[in-house]
Amino acid sequence: MTKPLVVSIPHQLGAAEAQRRLRTGIEQLKEQYAGKFAVLDNHWTGQHLDFRISAIGQTVSGKIDVAEDHVMLAVELPWMLAMLAQKAQGLIQSKGQLLLEKK
């Protein structure tokens, strides 16, 4: 049984710049947390990303949609990770806002 985690992050960058920052940020996260999770698959189609990662023995799949004024992240969490969903949602929200701040 899975539990959906959905996070919407507003921004003022436009879709192209937000996507560029997300691509860069995802690569940095992969390097920074290489020992904690593994990216099994990630595929961009236009402004839509489908991904699968493995963390603490669990596989998580999700998607990111980039719009002109917001980014929507939706992840299906296995029951074991669903217990951490609220904490994860806050972390994703704060890290995403930092990444998408207008500079």
Protein backbone atom coordinates (compact mmCIF):
# COMPACT_ATOMS: atom_id res chain seq x y z
CA MET A 1 0.00 0.00 0.00
CA THR A 2 1.34 3.41 -0.94
CA LYS A 3 0.57 6.92 0.19
CA PRO A 4 0.76 9.90 -2.18
CA LEU A 5 2.84 12.91 -1.19
CA VAL A 6 2.09 16.04 -3.22
CA VAL A 7 4.01 19.30 -2.88
CA SER A 8 3.39 22.48 -4.86
CA ILE A 9 6.16 25.08 -4.86
CA PRO A 10 5.36 28.53 -6.27
CA HIS A 11 8.00 30.48 -8.16
CA GLN A 12 8.42 33.57 -10.34
CA LEU A 13 11.04 32.24 -12.74
CA GLY A 14 9.10 31.02 -15.71
CA ALA A 15 9.05 27.36 -16.67
CA ALA A 16 12.36 27.22 -18.56
CA GLU A 17 14.46 28.72 -15.75
CA ALA A 18 12.69 26.68 -13.08
CA GLN A 19 13.39 23.50 -15.05
CA ARG A 20 17.04 24.45 -15.52
CA ARG A 21 17.43 24.98 -11.78
CA LEU A 22 15.68 21.70 -11.00
CA ARG A 23 17.96 19.77 -13.35
CA THR A 24 21.02 21.31 -11.69
CA GLY A 25 19.61 20.79 -8.19
CA ILE A 26 18.78 17.14 -8.86
CA GLU A 27 22.32 16.47 -10.05
CA GLN A 28 23.71 18.12 -6.89
CA LEU A 29 21.39 16.03 -4.69
CA LYS A 30 22.51 12.85 -6.43
CA GLU A 31 26.12 13.68 -5.59
CA GLN A 32 25.45 14.97 -2.08
CA TYR A 33 23.31 12.02 -0.97
CA ALA A 34 24.92 9.26 -3.06
CA GLY A 35 25.23 6.95 -0.04
CA LYS A 36 21.66 7.52 1.15
CA PHE A 37 19.65 6.98 -2.02
CA ALA A 38 20.15 5.86 -5.60
CA VAL A 39 18.43 7.22 -8.68
CA LEU A 40 17.12 4.22 -10.58
CA ASP A 41 15.56 6.18 -13.41
CA ASN A 42 14.84 9.77 -14.36
CA HIS A 43 13.45 10.91 -17.66
CA TRP A 44 12.44 14.41 -18.75
CA THR A 45 9.75 14.81 -21.40
CA GLY A 46 9.33 18.51 -22.02
CA GLN A 47 8.63 20.02 -18.62
CA HIS A 48 7.65 16.73 -17.00
CA LEU A 49 10.03 14.44 -15.09
CA ASP A 50 9.27 10.82 -14.21
CA PHE A 51 11.65 9.32 -11.68
CA ARG A 52 12.30 6.29 -9.49
CA ILE A 53 14.70 6.27 -6.56
CA SER A 54 15.72 3.72 -3.98
CA ALA A 55 16.09 4.76 -0.33
CA ILE A 56 16.56 2.55 2.73
CA GLY A 57 15.60 -0.53 0.76
CA GLN A 58 12.38 1.00 -0.60
CA THR A 59 11.61 2.10 -4.16
CA VAL A 60 9.86 5.43 -4.62
CA SER A 61 8.38 6.63 -7.90
CA GLY A 62 7.13 10.07 -8.69
CA LYS A 63 6.85 12.93 -11.09
CA ILE A 64 7.60 16.62 -11.30
CA ASP A 65 5.66 19.01 -13.49
CA VAL A 66 7.12 22.45 -14.14
CA ALA A 67 4.70 25.29 -14.90
CA GLU A 68 5.29 29.01 -15.45
CA ASP A 69 4.52 29.87 -11.82
CA HIS A 70 4.86 26.66 -9.81
CA VAL A 71 6.39 23.21 -9.63
CA MET A 72 4.27 20.22 -8.64
CA LEU A 73 5.95 17.15 -7.14
CA ALA A 74 3.95 13.97 -6.62
CA VAL A 75 5.52 10.89 -5.05
CA GLU A 76 4.04 7.50 -4.22
CA LEU A 77 5.57 6.46 -0.90
CA PRO A 78 5.67 2.84 0.28
CA TRP A 79 4.05 2.34 3.68
CA MET A 80 7.42 2.31 5.46
CA LEU A 81 8.36 5.73 4.10
CA ALA A 82 4.81 7.07 4.37
CA MET A 83 5.36 7.36 8.12
CA LEU A 84 7.92 10.07 7.33
CA ALA A 85 5.71 11.87 4.79
CA GLN A 86 4.97 14.97 6.83
CA LYS A 87 8.63 15.56 7.64
CA ALA A 88 9.59 14.87 4.02
CA GLN A 89 6.95 17.28 2.75
CA GLY A 90 8.34 20.13 4.84
CA LEU A 91 11.89 19.37 3.75
CA ILE A 92 10.93 19.19 0.07
CA GLN A 93 8.98 22.45 0.36
CA SER A 94 11.83 24.37 2.01
CA LYS A 95 14.62 22.99 -0.22
CA GLY A 96 12.48 23.55 -3.31
CA GLN A 97 11.75 27.16 -2.38
CA LEU A 98 15.46 27.82 -1.87
CA LEU A 99 16.24 26.32 -5.27
CA LEU A 100 13.51 28.33 -7.01
CA GLU A 101 14.04 31.70 -5.30
CA LYS A 102 14.30 34.57 -7.75
CA LYS A 103 17.89 35.76 -7.65
